[in-house]
PDB file of N, CA and C in Angstrom:
ATOM      1  N   MET A   1      -9.255 -13.690  18.635  1.00  0.00           N
ATOM      2  CA  MET A   1      -9.657 -12.400  19.193  1.00  0.00           C
ATOM      3  C   MET A   1      -9.629 -11.342  18.142  1.00  0.00           C
ATOM      4  N   ALA A   2     -10.663 -10.506  18.165  1.00  0.00           N
ATOM      5  CA  ALA A   2     -10.723  -9.362  17.222  1.00  0.00           C
ATOM      6  C   ALA A   2      -9.975  -8.166  17.826  1.00  0.00           C
ATOM      7  N   THR A   3      -9.252  -7.513  17.011  1.00  0.00           N
ATOM      8  CA  THR A   3      -8.513  -6.291  17.441  1.00  0.00           C
ATOM      9  C   THR A   3      -9.016  -5.156  16.546  1.00  0.00           C
ATOM     10  N   ILE A   4      -9.472  -4.084  17.141  1.00  0.00           N
ATOM     11  CA  ILE A   4      -9.946  -2.911  16.393  1.00  0.00           C
ATOM     12  C   ILE A   4      -8.830  -1.850  16.344  1.00  0.00           C
ATOM     13  N   LEU A   5      -8.546  -1.428  15.158  1.00  0.00           N
ATOM     14  CA  LEU A   5      -7.557  -0.318  14.975  1.00  0.00           C
ATOM     15  C   LEU A   5      -8.345   0.929  14.654  1.00  0.00           C
ATOM     16  N   LYS A   6      -8.551   1.749  15.639  1.00  0.00           N
ATOM     17  CA  LYS A   6      -9.393   2.934  15.514  1.00  0.00           C
ATOM     18  C   LYS A   6      -8.740   4.019  14.615  1.00  0.00           C
ATOM     19  N   ALA A   7      -9.548   4.659  13.795  1.00  0.00           N
ATOM     20  CA  ALA A   7      -9.066   5.648  12.898  1.00  0.00           C
ATOM     21  C   ALA A   7      -8.360   6.848  13.596  1.00  0.00           C
ATOM     22  N   ASN A   8      -8.870   7.190  14.772  1.00  0.00           N
ATOM     23  CA  ASN A   8      -8.266   8.313  15.479  1.00  0.00           C
ATOM     24  C   ASN A   8      -7.001   7.928  16.234  1.00  0.00           C
ATOM     25  N   GLN A   9      -6.582   6.683  16.111  1.00  0.00           N
ATOM     26  CA  GLN A   9      -5.341   6.254  16.783  1.00  0.00           C
ATOM     27  C   GLN A   9      -4.232   5.883  15.760  1.00  0.00           C
ATOM     28  N   ARG A  10      -4.444   6.287  14.503  1.00  0.00           N
ATOM     29  CA  ARG A  10      -3.443   6.003  13.475  1.00  0.00           C
ATOM     30  C   ARG A  10      -2.181   6.857  13.743  1.00  0.00           C
ATOM     31  N   GLU A  11      -1.064   6.260  13.448  1.00  0.00           N
ATOM     32  CA  GLU A  11       0.209   6.990  13.599  1.00  0.00           C
ATOM     33  C   GLU A  11       1.058   6.584  12.344  1.00  0.00           C
ATOM     34  N   PHE A  12       1.161   7.467  11.378  1.00  0.00           N
ATOM     35  CA  PHE A  12       1.915   7.176  10.187  1.00  0.00           C
ATOM     36  C   PHE A  12       3.354   7.556  10.395  1.00  0.00           C
ATOM     37  N   LYS A  13       4.260   6.599  10.104  1.00  0.00           N
ATOM     38  CA  LYS A  13       5.678   6.827  10.186  1.00  0.00           C
ATOM     39  C   LYS A  13       6.342   6.527   8.865  1.00  0.00           C
ATOM     40  N   GLU A  14       7.382   7.301   8.481  1.00  0.00           N
ATOM     41  CA  GLU A  14       8.104   7.100   7.259  1.00  0.00           C
ATOM     42  C   GLU A  14       9.046   5.949   7.370  1.00  0.00           C
ATOM     43  N   ASP A  15       9.146   5.173   6.297  1.00  0.00           N
ATOM     44  CA  ASP A  15      10.148   4.078   6.217  1.00  0.00           C
ATOM     45  C   ASP A  15      11.502   4.759   6.087  1.00  0.00           C
ATOM     46  N   PRO A  16      12.431   4.513   7.032  1.00  0.00           N
ATOM     47  CA  PRO A  16      13.722   5.200   7.011  1.00  0.00           C
ATOM     48  C   PRO A  16      14.637   4.780   5.800  1.00  0.00           C
ATOM     49  N   ASN A  17      14.283   3.689   5.132  1.00  0.00           N
ATOM     50  CA  ASN A  17      15.077   3.212   4.023  1.00  0.00           C
ATOM     51  C   ASN A  17      14.678   3.802   2.678  1.00  0.00           C
ATOM     52  N   LYS A  18      13.606   4.619   2.651  1.00  0.00           N
ATOM     53  CA  LYS A  18      13.156   5.167   1.388  1.00  0.00           C
ATOM     54  C   LYS A  18      13.986   6.349   0.979  1.00  0.00           C
ATOM     55  N   ILE A  19      13.973   6.686  -0.344  1.00  0.00           N
ATOM     56  CA  ILE A  19      14.746   7.761  -0.887  1.00  0.00           C
ATOM     57  C   ILE A  19      13.796   8.835  -1.407  1.00  0.00           C
ATOM     58  N   ASP A  20      14.357  10.019  -1.677  1.00  0.00           N
ATOM     59  CA  ASP A  20      13.554  11.110  -2.200  1.00  0.00           C
ATOM     60  C   ASP A  20      12.746  10.617  -3.428  1.00  0.00           C
ATOM     61  N   GLY A  21      11.486  11.043  -3.429  1.00  0.00           N
ATOM     62  CA  GLY A  21      10.578  10.663  -4.532  1.00  0.00           C
ATOM     63  C   GLY A  21       9.882   9.365  -4.256  1.00  0.00           C
ATOM     64  N   PHE A  22      10.299   8.597  -3.263  1.00  0.00           N
ATOM     65  CA  PHE A  22       9.739   7.275  -2.980  1.00  0.00           C
ATOM     66  C   PHE A  22       9.447   7.214  -1.458  1.00  0.00           C
ATOM     67  N   ARG A  23       8.909   8.274  -0.928  1.00  0.00           N
ATOM     68  CA  ARG A  23       8.675   8.296   0.530  1.00  0.00           C
ATOM     69  C   ARG A  23       7.253   7.918   0.865  1.00  0.00           C
ATOM     70  N   LEU A  24       7.126   6.722   1.465  1.00  0.00           N
ATOM     71  CA  LEU A  24       5.800   6.174   1.814  1.00  0.00           C
ATOM     72  C   LEU A  24       5.691   6.076   3.314  1.00  0.00           C
ATOM     73  N   PHE A  25       4.556   6.459   3.876  1.00  0.00           N
ATOM     74  CA  PHE A  25       4.367   6.428   5.297  1.00  0.00           C
ATOM     75  C   PHE A  25       3.415   5.250   5.624  1.00  0.00           C
ATOM     76  N   SER A  26       3.734   4.509   6.659  1.00  0.00           N
ATOM     77  CA  SER A  26       2.907   3.360   7.056  1.00  0.00           C
ATOM     78  C   SER A  26       2.322   3.615   8.459  1.00  0.00           C
ATOM     79  N   ASP A  27       1.069   3.178   8.658  1.00  0.00           N
ATOM     80  CA  ASP A  27       0.427   3.266   9.948  1.00  0.00           C
ATOM     81  C   ASP A  27       1.060   2.194  10.847  1.00  0.00           C
ATOM     82  N   VAL A  28       1.700   2.623  11.927  1.00  0.00           N
ATOM     83  CA  VAL A  28       2.350   1.654  12.840  1.00  0.00           C
ATOM     84  C   VAL A  28       1.447   1.144  14.008  1.00  0.00           C
ATOM     85  N   SER A  29       0.185   1.549  13.997  1.00  0.00           N
ATOM     86  CA  SER A  29      -0.687   1.145  15.121  1.00  0.00           C
ATOM     87  C   SER A  29      -0.885  -0.404  15.143  1.00  0.00           C
ATOM     88  N   ARG A  30      -0.799  -1.051  13.990  1.00  0.00           N
ATOM     89  CA  ARG A  30      -0.932  -2.511  13.949  1.00  0.00           C
ATOM     90  C   ARG A  30       0.218  -3.149  14.737  1.00  0.00           C
ATOM     91  N   ILE A  31       1.405  -2.683  14.489  1.00  0.00           N
ATOM     92  CA  ILE A  31       2.627  -3.179  15.199  1.00  0.00           C
ATOM     93  C   ILE A  31       2.571  -2.885  16.683  1.00  0.00           C
ATOM     94  N   LYS A  32       2.150  -1.660  16.981  1.00  0.00           N
ATOM     95  CA  LYS A  32       2.093  -1.298  18.410  1.00  0.00           C
ATOM     96  C   LYS A  32       1.036  -2.069  19.173  1.00  0.00           C
ATOM     97  N   ARG A  33       0.053  -2.602  18.464  1.00  0.00           N
ATOM     98  CA  ARG A  33      -1.003  -3.396  19.113  1.00  0.00           C
ATOM     99  C   ARG A  33      -0.652  -4.898  19.143  1.00  0.00           C
ATOM    100  N   GLY A  34       0.526  -5.255  18.557  1.00  0.00           N
ATOM    101  CA  GLY A  34       0.998  -6.616  18.569  1.00  0.00           C
ATOM    102  C   GLY A  34       0.345  -7.483  17.544  1.00  0.00           C
ATOM    103  N   ILE A  35      -0.217  -6.938  16.486  1.00  0.00           N
ATOM    104  CA  ILE A  35      -0.837  -7.759  15.460  1.00  0.00           C
ATOM    105  C   ILE A  35       0.246  -8.238  14.547  1.00  0.00           C
ATOM    106  N   ASN A  36       0.427  -9.600  14.487  1.00  0.00           N
ATOM    107  CA  ASN A  36       1.465 -10.210  13.678  1.00  0.00           C
ATOM    108  C   ASN A  36       0.844 -11.383  12.881  1.00  0.00           C
ATOM    109  N   PRO A  37       0.253 -11.046  11.732  1.00  0.00           N
ATOM    110  CA  PRO A  37      -0.467 -12.067  10.957  1.00  0.00           C
ATOM    111  C   PRO A  37       0.467 -13.202  10.446  1.00  0.00           C
ATOM    112  N   HIS A  38      -0.092 -14.360  10.318  1.00  0.00           N
ATOM    113  CA  HIS A  38       0.679 -15.522   9.840  1.00  0.00           C
ATOM    114  C   HIS A  38       0.471 -15.758   8.318  1.00  0.00           C
ATOM    115  N   HIS A  39      -0.721 -15.456   7.815  1.00  0.00           N
ATOM    116  CA  HIS A  39      -0.996 -15.772   6.393  1.00  0.00           C
ATOM    117  C   HIS A  39      -1.489 -14.516   5.613  1.00  0.00           C
ATOM    118  N   LEU A  40      -1.757 -13.449   6.267  1.00  0.00           N
ATOM    119  CA  LEU A  40      -2.280 -12.307   5.568  1.00  0.00           C
ATOM    120  C   LEU A  40      -1.494 -11.083   6.046  1.00  0.00           C
ATOM    121  N   ASN A  41      -0.941 -10.368   5.113  1.00  0.00           N
ATOM    122  CA  ASN A  41      -0.148  -9.187   5.459  1.00  0.00           C
ATOM    123  C   ASN A  41      -0.933  -7.949   4.965  1.00  0.00           C
ATOM    124  N   PHE A  42      -0.954  -6.915   5.796  1.00  0.00           N
ATOM    125  CA  PHE A  42      -1.728  -5.691   5.427  1.00  0.00           C
ATOM    126  C   PHE A  42      -1.083  -4.527   6.080  1.00  0.00           C
ATOM    127  N   ASP A  43      -1.168  -3.399   5.414  1.00  0.00           N
ATOM    128  CA  ASP A  43      -0.674  -2.103   5.908  1.00  0.00           C
ATOM    129  C   ASP A  43      -1.583  -1.007   5.472  1.00  0.00           C
ATOM    130  N   LEU A  44      -1.727   0.005   6.265  1.00  0.00           N
ATOM    131  CA  LEU A  44      -2.369   1.200   5.840  1.00  0.00           C
ATOM    132  C   LEU A  44      -1.319   2.189   5.503  1.00  0.00           C
ATOM    133  N   GLN A  45      -1.311   2.688   4.222  1.00  0.00           N
ATOM    134  CA  GLN A  45      -0.224   3.487   3.680  1.00  0.00           C
ATOM    135  C   GLN A  45      -0.693   4.888   3.439  1.00  0.00           C
ATOM    136  N   GLN A  46       0.196   5.869   3.630  1.00  0.00           N
ATOM    137  CA  GLN A  46      -0.102   7.241   3.250  1.00  0.00           C
ATOM    138  C   GLN A  46       0.969   7.691   2.200  1.00  0.00           C
ATOM    139  N   LEU A  47       0.470   8.062   1.040  1.00  0.00           N
ATOM    140  CA  LEU A  47       1.328   8.508  -0.062  1.00  0.00           C
ATOM    141  C   LEU A  47       1.118   9.989  -0.204  1.00  0.00           C
ATOM    142  N   ASN A  48       2.133  10.782   0.091  1.00  0.00           N
ATOM    143  CA  ASN A  48       2.012  12.225   0.058  1.00  0.00           C
ATOM    144  C   ASN A  48       2.157  12.747  -1.373  1.00  0.00           C
ATOM    145  N   PRO A  49       1.717  14.001  -1.574  1.00  0.00           N
ATOM    146  CA  PRO A  49       1.785  14.581  -2.922  1.00  0.00           C
ATOM    147  C   PRO A  49       3.221  14.559  -3.494  1.00  0.00           C
ATOM    148  N   GLY A  50       3.277  14.234  -4.836  1.00  0.00           N
ATOM    149  CA  GLY A  50       4.568  14.237  -5.518  1.00  0.00           C
ATOM    150  C   GLY A  50       5.423  12.988  -5.233  1.00  0.00           C
ATOM    151  N   GLN A  51       4.885  11.999  -4.592  1.00  0.00           N
ATOM    152  CA  GLN A  51       5.656  10.820  -4.206  1.00  0.00           C
ATOM    153  C   GLN A  51       5.186   9.551  -4.917  1.00  0.00           C
ATOM    154  N   TYR A  52       6.067   8.585  -5.100  1.00  0.00           N
ATOM    155  CA  TYR A  52       5.772   7.256  -5.599  1.00  0.00           C
ATOM    156  C   TYR A  52       5.718   6.317  -4.448  1.00  0.00           C
ATOM    157  N   CYS A  53       4.906   5.265  -4.538  1.00  0.00           N
ATOM    158  CA  CYS A  53       4.853   4.295  -3.447  1.00  0.00           C
ATOM    159  C   CYS A  53       6.136   3.411  -3.418  1.00  0.00           C
ATOM    160  N   SER A  54       6.650   3.164  -4.648  1.00  0.00           N
ATOM    161  CA  SER A  54       7.781   2.279  -4.765  1.00  0.00           C
ATOM    162  C   SER A  54       8.195   2.313  -6.271  1.00  0.00           C
ATOM    163  N   ALA A  55       9.234   1.611  -6.621  1.00  0.00           N
ATOM    164  CA  ALA A  55       9.575   1.464  -7.995  1.00  0.00           C
ATOM    165  C   ALA A  55       8.482   0.600  -8.675  1.00  0.00           C
ATOM    166  N   TYR A  56       8.365   0.711  -9.960  1.00  0.00           N
ATOM    167  CA  TYR A  56       7.437  -0.134 -10.718  1.00  0.00           C
ATOM    168  C   TYR A  56       7.861  -1.585 -10.508  1.00  0.00           C
ATOM    169  N   HIS A  57       6.985  -2.464 -10.062  1.00  0.00           N
ATOM    170  CA  HIS A  57       7.379  -3.815  -9.699  1.00  0.00           C
ATOM    171  C   HIS A  57       6.211  -4.790  -9.767  1.00  0.00           C
ATOM    172  N   PHE A  58       6.519  -6.063  -9.587  1.00  0.00           N
ATOM    173  CA  PHE A  58       5.536  -7.137  -9.436  1.00  0.00           C
ATOM    174  C   PHE A  58       6.012  -8.108  -8.431  1.00  0.00           C
ATOM    175  N   HIS A  59       5.100  -9.013  -7.993  1.00  0.00           N
ATOM    176  CA  HIS A  59       5.434  -9.991  -6.936  1.00  0.00           C
ATOM    177  C   HIS A  59       5.351 -11.392  -7.598  1.00  0.00           C
ATOM    178  N   ARG A  60       6.369 -12.188  -7.428  1.00  0.00           N
ATOM    179  CA  ARG A  60       6.388 -13.543  -7.944  1.00  0.00           C
ATOM    180  C   ARG A  60       5.523 -14.474  -7.156  1.00  0.00           C
ATOM    181  N   TYR A  61       5.389 -14.260  -5.818  1.00  0.00           N
ATOM    182  CA  TYR A  61       4.747 -15.244  -4.925  1.00  0.00           C
ATOM    183  C   TYR A  61       3.597 -14.661  -4.120  1.00  0.00           C
ATOM    184  N   ALA A  62       3.124 -13.479  -4.489  1.00  0.00           N
ATOM    185  CA  ALA A  62       2.036 -12.869  -3.693  1.00  0.00           C
ATOM    186  C   ALA A  62       1.057 -12.137  -4.595  1.00  0.00           C
ATOM    187  N   GLU A  63      -0.222 -12.243  -4.207  1.00  0.00           N
ATOM    188  CA  GLU A  63      -1.198 -11.392  -4.795  1.00  0.00           C
ATOM    189  C   GLU A  63      -1.340 -10.148  -3.889  1.00  0.00           C
ATOM    190  N   GLU A  64      -1.868  -9.066  -4.461  1.00  0.00           N
ATOM    191  CA  GLU A  64      -1.938  -7.847  -3.664  1.00  0.00           C
ATOM    192  C   GLU A  64      -3.241  -7.100  -4.025  1.00  0.00           C
ATOM    193  N   LEU A  65      -3.783  -6.422  -3.040  1.00  0.00           N
ATOM    194  CA  LEU A  65      -5.024  -5.655  -3.202  1.00  0.00           C
ATOM    195  C   LEU A  65      -4.888  -4.314  -2.533  1.00  0.00           C
ATOM    196  N   PHE A  66      -5.201  -3.280  -3.302  1.00  0.00           N
ATOM    197  CA  PHE A  66      -5.259  -1.916  -2.701  1.00  0.00           C
ATOM    198  C   PHE A  66      -6.678  -1.479  -2.631  1.00  0.00           C
ATOM    199  N   MET A  67      -7.059  -0.779  -1.591  1.00  0.00           N
ATOM    200  CA  MET A  67      -8.315  -0.035  -1.487  1.00  0.00           C
ATOM    201  C   MET A  67      -7.968   1.383  -1.153  1.00  0.00           C
ATOM    202  N   ILE A  68      -8.348   2.290  -2.006  1.00  0.00           N
ATOM    203  CA  ILE A  68      -8.087   3.700  -1.786  1.00  0.00           C
ATOM    204  C   ILE A  68      -9.127   4.180  -0.732  1.00  0.00           C
ATOM    205  N   ILE A  69      -8.596   4.619   0.410  1.00  0.00           N
ATOM    206  CA  ILE A  69      -9.425   5.036   1.536  1.00  0.00           C
ATOM    207  C   ILE A  69      -9.791   6.506   1.357  1.00  0.00           C
ATOM    208  N   SER A  70      -8.808   7.333   1.002  1.00  0.00           N
ATOM    209  CA  SER A  70      -9.027   8.746   0.800  1.00  0.00           C
ATOM    210  C   SER A  70      -7.980   9.288  -0.226  1.00  0.00           C
ATOM    211  N   GLY A  71      -8.437  10.330  -0.900  1.00  0.00           N
ATOM    212  CA  GLY A  71      -7.502  10.939  -1.866  1.00  0.00           C
ATOM    213  C   GLY A  71      -7.590  10.273  -3.231  1.00  0.00           C
ATOM    214  N   SER A  72      -6.525  10.519  -3.995  1.00  0.00           N
ATOM    215  CA  SER A  72      -6.482  10.024  -5.404  1.00  0.00           C
ATOM    216  C   SER A  72      -5.024   9.847  -5.751  1.00  0.00           C
ATOM    217  N   ALA A  73      -4.738   8.973  -6.740  1.00  0.00           N
ATOM    218  CA  ALA A  73      -3.384   8.721  -7.222  1.00  0.00           C
ATOM    219  C   ALA A  73      -3.440   8.232  -8.640  1.00  0.00           C
ATOM    220  N   THR A  74      -2.284   8.266  -9.297  1.00  0.00           N
ATOM    221  CA  THR A  74      -2.174   7.705 -10.649  1.00  0.00           C
ATOM    222  C   THR A  74      -1.555   6.323 -10.509  1.00  0.00           C
ATOM    223  N   LEU A  75      -2.214   5.310 -11.056  1.00  0.00           N
ATOM    224  CA  LEU A  75      -1.782   3.949 -11.027  1.00  0.00           C
ATOM    225  C   LEU A  75      -1.125   3.583 -12.369  1.00  0.00           C
ATOM    226  N   ARG A  76       0.076   3.021 -12.313  1.00  0.00           N
ATOM    227  CA  ARG A  76       0.786   2.554 -13.474  1.00  0.00           C
ATOM    228  C   ARG A  76       0.701   0.998 -13.450  1.00  0.00           C
ATOM    229  N   THR A  77       0.243   0.401 -14.575  1.00  0.00           N
ATOM    230  CA  THR A  77       0.218  -1.040 -14.761  1.00  0.00           C
ATOM    231  C   THR A  77       0.683  -1.351 -16.176  1.00  0.00           C
ATOM    232  N   PRO A  78       0.794  -2.665 -16.527  1.00  0.00           N
ATOM    233  CA  PRO A  78       1.193  -2.995 -17.904  1.00  0.00           C
ATOM    234  C   PRO A  78       0.189  -2.418 -18.944  1.00  0.00           C
ATOM    235  N   LEU A  79      -1.020  -2.056 -18.520  1.00  0.00           N
ATOM    236  CA  LEU A  79      -2.036  -1.519 -19.427  1.00  0.00           C
ATOM    237  C   LEU A  79      -1.945  -0.014 -19.600  1.00  0.00           C
ATOM    238  N   GLY A  80      -1.072   0.656 -18.784  1.00  0.00           N
ATOM    239  CA  GLY A  80      -0.951   2.081 -18.906  1.00  0.00           C
ATOM    240  C   GLY A  80      -1.224   2.776 -17.560  1.00  0.00           C
ATOM    241  N   LEU A  81      -1.675   4.041 -17.659  1.00  0.00           N
ATOM    242  CA  LEU A  81      -1.935   4.884 -16.519  1.00  0.00           C
ATOM    243  C   LEU A  81      -3.428   5.044 -16.286  1.00  0.00           C
ATOM    244  N   ASN A  82      -3.832   5.013 -15.003  1.00  0.00           N
ATOM    245  CA  ASN A  82      -5.248   5.238 -14.649  1.00  0.00           C
ATOM    246  C   ASN A  82      -5.280   6.027 -13.360  1.00  0.00           C
ATOM    247  N   VAL A  83      -6.245   6.910 -13.204  1.00  0.00           N
ATOM    248  CA  VAL A  83      -6.431   7.595 -11.933  1.00  0.00           C
ATOM    249  C   VAL A  83      -7.337   6.719 -11.059  1.00  0.00           C
ATOM    250  N   VAL A  84      -6.969   6.543  -9.819  1.00  0.00           N
ATOM    251  CA  VAL A  84      -7.725   5.775  -8.827  1.00  0.00           C
ATOM    252  C   VAL A  84      -8.126   6.720  -7.716  1.00  0.00           C
ATOM    253  N   ASP A  85      -9.346   6.516  -7.231  1.00  0.00           N
ATOM    254  CA  ASP A  85      -9.937   7.457  -6.284  1.00  0.00           C
ATOM    255  C   ASP A  85     -10.493   6.740  -5.045  1.00  0.00           C
ATOM    256  N   SER A  86     -10.823   7.492  -4.053  1.00  0.00           N
ATOM    257  CA  SER A  86     -11.408   7.005  -2.813  1.00  0.00           C
ATOM    258  C   SER A  86     -12.514   5.985  -3.125  1.00  0.00           C
ATOM    259  N   GLY A  87     -12.421   4.811  -2.488  1.00  0.00           N
ATOM    260  CA  GLY A  87     -13.474   3.782  -2.694  1.00  0.00           C
ATOM    261  C   GLY A  87     -13.064   2.763  -3.704  1.00  0.00           C
ATOM    262  N   ASP A  88     -12.038   3.019  -4.550  1.00  0.00           N
ATOM    263  CA  ASP A  88     -11.640   2.066  -5.599  1.00  0.00           C
ATOM    264  C   ASP A  88     -10.820   0.907  -4.968  1.00  0.00           C
ATOM    265  N   PHE A  89     -11.028  -0.288  -5.538  1.00  0.00           N
ATOM    266  CA  PHE A  89     -10.241  -1.467  -5.196  1.00  0.00           C
ATOM    267  C   PHE A  89      -9.389  -1.767  -6.459  1.00  0.00           C
ATOM    268  N   ILE A  90      -8.156  -2.180  -6.225  1.00  0.00           N
ATOM    269  CA  ILE A  90      -7.288  -2.573  -7.320  1.00  0.00           C
ATOM    270  C   ILE A  90      -6.596  -3.902  -6.938  1.00  0.00           C
ATOM    271  N   PHE A  91      -6.829  -4.911  -7.761  1.00  0.00           N
ATOM    272  CA  PHE A  91      -6.227  -6.229  -7.538  1.00  0.00           C
ATOM    273  C   PHE A  91      -5.060  -6.446  -8.455  1.00  0.00           C
ATOM    274  N   PHE A  92      -3.923  -6.972  -7.877  1.00  0.00           N
ATOM    275  CA  PHE A  92      -2.732  -7.288  -8.679  1.00  0.00           C
ATOM    276  C   PHE A  92      -2.444  -8.776  -8.542  1.00  0.00           C
ATOM    277  N   GLU A  93      -2.483  -9.455  -9.706  1.00  0.00           N
ATOM    278  CA  GLU A  93      -2.178 -10.888  -9.706  1.00  0.00           C
ATOM    279  C   GLU A  93      -0.639 -11.092  -9.605  1.00  0.00           C
ATOM    280  N   MET A  94      -0.275 -12.321  -9.302  1.00  0.00           N
ATOM    281  CA  MET A  94       1.156 -12.703  -9.249  1.00  0.00           C
ATOM    282  C   MET A  94       1.720 -12.570 -10.630  1.00  0.00           C
ATOM    283  N   GLY A  95       3.008 -12.228 -10.689  1.00  0.00           N
ATOM    284  CA  GLY A  95       3.750 -12.199 -11.958  1.00  0.00           C
ATOM    285  C   GLY A  95       3.721 -10.881 -12.670  1.00  0.00           C
ATOM    286  N   GLU A  96       4.362 -10.836 -13.831  1.00  0.00           N
ATOM    287  CA  GLU A  96       4.573  -9.619 -14.544  1.00  0.00           C
ATOM    288  C   GLU A  96       3.286  -8.896 -14.924  1.00  0.00           C
ATOM    289  N   THR A  97       2.220  -9.622 -15.164  1.00  0.00           N
ATOM    290  CA  THR A  97       0.934  -8.963 -15.521  1.00  0.00           C
ATOM    291  C   THR A  97       0.361  -8.158 -14.330  1.00  0.00           C
ATOM    292  N   GLY A  98       0.822  -8.410 -13.151  1.00  0.00           N
ATOM    293  CA  GLY A  98       0.348  -7.738 -11.953  1.00  0.00           C
ATOM    294  C   GLY A  98       1.282  -6.559 -11.563  1.00  0.00           C
ATOM    295  N   ALA A  99       2.173  -6.151 -12.478  1.00  0.00           N
ATOM    296  CA  ALA A  99       3.116  -5.070 -12.139  1.00  0.00           C
ATOM    297  C   ALA A  99       2.337  -3.787 -11.817  1.00  0.00           C
ATOM    298  N   HIS A 100       2.888  -2.952 -10.916  1.00  0.00           N
ATOM    299  CA  HIS A 100       2.185  -1.773 -10.505  1.00  0.00           C
ATOM    300  C   HIS A 100       3.101  -0.749  -9.819  1.00  0.00           C
ATOM    301  N   GLN A 101       2.566   0.483  -9.775  1.00  0.00           N
ATOM    302  CA  GLN A 101       3.219   1.595  -9.076  1.00  0.00           C
ATOM    303  C   GLN A 101       2.147   2.688  -8.907  1.00  0.00           C
ATOM    304  N   LEU A 102       2.124   3.322  -7.734  1.00  0.00           N
ATOM    305  CA  LEU A 102       1.249   4.464  -7.465  1.00  0.00           C
ATOM    306  C   LEU A 102       2.077   5.750  -7.412  1.00  0.00           C
ATOM    307  N   TYR A 103       1.477   6.805  -7.956  1.00  0.00           N
ATOM    308  CA  TYR A 103       2.102   8.119  -7.853  1.00  0.00           C
ATOM    309  C   TYR A 103       1.020   9.110  -7.433  1.00  0.00           C
ATOM    310  N   ASN A 104       1.306   9.912  -6.412  1.00  0.00           N
ATOM    311  CA  ASN A 104       0.314  10.886  -5.958  1.00  0.00           C
ATOM    312  C   ASN A 104       0.513  12.172  -6.746  1.00  0.00           C
ATOM    313  N   HIS A 105      -0.375  12.385  -7.748  1.00  0.00           N
ATOM    314  CA  HIS A 105      -0.330  13.537  -8.616  1.00  0.00           C
ATOM    315  C   HIS A 105      -1.095  14.755  -8.060  1.00  0.00           C
ATOM    316  N   THR A 106      -1.671  14.580  -6.836  1.00  0.00           N
ATOM    317  CA  THR A 106      -2.546  15.672  -6.297  1.00  0.00           C
ATOM    318  C   THR A 106      -1.790  16.475  -5.229  1.00  0.00           C
ATOM    319  N   ILE A 107      -2.557  17.386  -4.589  1.00  0.00           N
ATOM    320  CA  ILE A 107      -1.935  18.193  -3.546  1.00  0.00           C
ATOM    321  C   ILE A 107      -2.392  17.694  -2.165  1.00  0.00           C
ATOM    322  N   GLU A 108      -3.111  16.568  -2.101  1.00  0.00           N
ATOM    323  CA  GLU A 108      -3.592  16.006  -0.839  1.00  0.00           C
ATOM    324  C   GLU A 108      -2.988  14.586  -0.660  1.00  0.00           C
ATOM    325  N   PRO A 109      -2.770  14.150   0.570  1.00  0.00           N
ATOM    326  CA  PRO A 109      -2.304  12.756   0.772  1.00  0.00           C
ATOM    327  C   PRO A 109      -3.300  11.753   0.237  1.00  0.00           C
ATOM    328  N   CYS A 110      -2.806  10.602  -0.223  1.00  0.00           N
ATOM    329  CA  CYS A 110      -3.637   9.463  -0.638  1.00  0.00           C
ATOM    330  C   CYS A 110      -3.406   8.385   0.380  1.00  0.00           C
ATOM    331  N   VAL A 111      -4.446   7.929   1.020  1.00  0.00           N
ATOM    332  CA  VAL A 111      -4.347   6.827   2.009  1.00  0.00           C
ATOM    333  C   VAL A 111      -5.010   5.604   1.438  1.00  0.00           C
ATOM    334  N   TYR A 112      -4.248   4.480   1.506  1.00  0.00           N
ATOM    335  CA  TYR A 112      -4.836   3.226   0.985  1.00  0.00           C
ATOM    336  C   TYR A 112      -4.419   2.021   1.823  1.00  0.00           C
ATOM    337  N   LEU A 113      -5.337   1.038   1.797  1.00  0.00           N
ATOM    338  CA  LEU A 113      -5.086  -0.245   2.465  1.00  0.00           C
ATOM    339  C   LEU A 113      -4.393  -1.151   1.470  1.00  0.00           C
ATOM    340  N   ASP A 114      -3.292  -1.727   1.907  1.00  0.00           N
ATOM    341  CA  ASP A 114      -2.479  -2.624   1.115  1.00  0.00           C
ATOM    342  C   ASP A 114      -2.553  -4.002   1.719  1.00  0.00           C
ATOM    343  N   VAL A 115      -3.156  -5.002   1.044  1.00  0.00           N
ATOM    344  CA  VAL A 115      -3.293  -6.308   1.543  1.00  0.00           C
ATOM    345  C   VAL A 115      -2.544  -7.271   0.639  1.00  0.00           C
ATOM    346  N   ARG A 116      -1.669  -8.109   1.190  1.00  0.00           N
ATOM    347  CA  ARG A 116      -0.843  -9.055   0.400  1.00  0.00           C
ATOM    348  C   ARG A 116      -0.934 -10.446   0.978  1.00  0.00           C
ATOM    349  N   THR A 117      -0.877 -11.439   0.137  1.00  0.00           N
ATOM    350  CA  THR A 117      -0.895 -12.840   0.627  1.00  0.00           C
ATOM    351  C   THR A 117       0.501 -13.292   0.990  1.00  0.00           C
ATOM    352  N   PHE A 118       0.499 -14.289   1.896  1.00  0.00           N
ATOM    353  CA  PHE A 118       1.734 -14.998   2.187  1.00  0.00           C
ATOM    354  C   PHE A 118       1.521 -16.445   1.712  1.00  0.00           C
ATOM    355  N   ILE A 119       2.382 -16.890   0.814  1.00  0.00           N
ATOM    356  CA  ILE A 119       2.269 -18.320   0.318  1.00  0.00           C
ATOM    357  C   ILE A 119       3.619 -18.978   0.462  1.00  0.00           C
ATOM    358  N   GLY A 120       3.813 -19.639   1.570  1.00  0.00           N
ATOM    359  CA  GLY A 120       5.043 -20.436   1.741  1.00  0.00           C
ATOM    360  C   GLY A 120       6.313 -19.621   2.052  1.00  0.00           C
ATOM    361  N   TYR A 121       6.164 -18.385   2.348  1.00  0.00           N
ATOM    362  CA  TYR A 121       7.324 -17.582   2.731  1.00  0.00           C
ATOM    363  C   TYR A 121       6.794 -16.357   3.475  1.00  0.00           C
ATOM    364  N   LYS A 122       7.690 -15.674   4.061  1.00  0.00           N
ATOM    365  CA  LYS A 122       7.317 -14.431   4.747  1.00  0.00           C
ATOM    366  C   LYS A 122       8.183 -13.308   4.207  1.00  0.00           C
ATOM    367  N   GLN A 123       7.534 -12.211   3.797  1.00  0.00           N
ATOM    368  CA  GLN A 123       8.234 -11.062   3.236  1.00  0.00           C
ATOM    369  C   GLN A 123       9.177 -10.435   4.323  1.00  0.00           C
ATOM    370  N   ILE A 124      10.191  -9.858   3.884  1.00  0.00           N
ATOM    371  CA  ILE A 124      11.156  -9.192   4.833  1.00  0.00           C
ATOM    372  C   ILE A 124      10.798  -7.705   4.853  1.00  0.00           C
TER     373      ILE A 124
END
């Protein structure tokens, strides 16, 4: 069955476990609609001005893909810093070469789709 998550029904909520400087908001409409993927994990994230998405990190067992929906942010990777904008796709491979971090250097929120693979385990 196909489930449509309408743009006008998004509800971004802050992860209560985040600390100052690392406050990321996730759209909870997927959870409210009962979408519980088995092999594909995805979230719509809102990164507010002056915030990091997370610590600089990589995934040992997952590939990850970001698509910037709106706004702009600074992307940190092993190759350095790059500005990413609305419409950009960013692919992160497994392992240290796929290390990444986003920082919103602007005065507007940056909204992006975060898609991650599940391979033999489920993220907590």
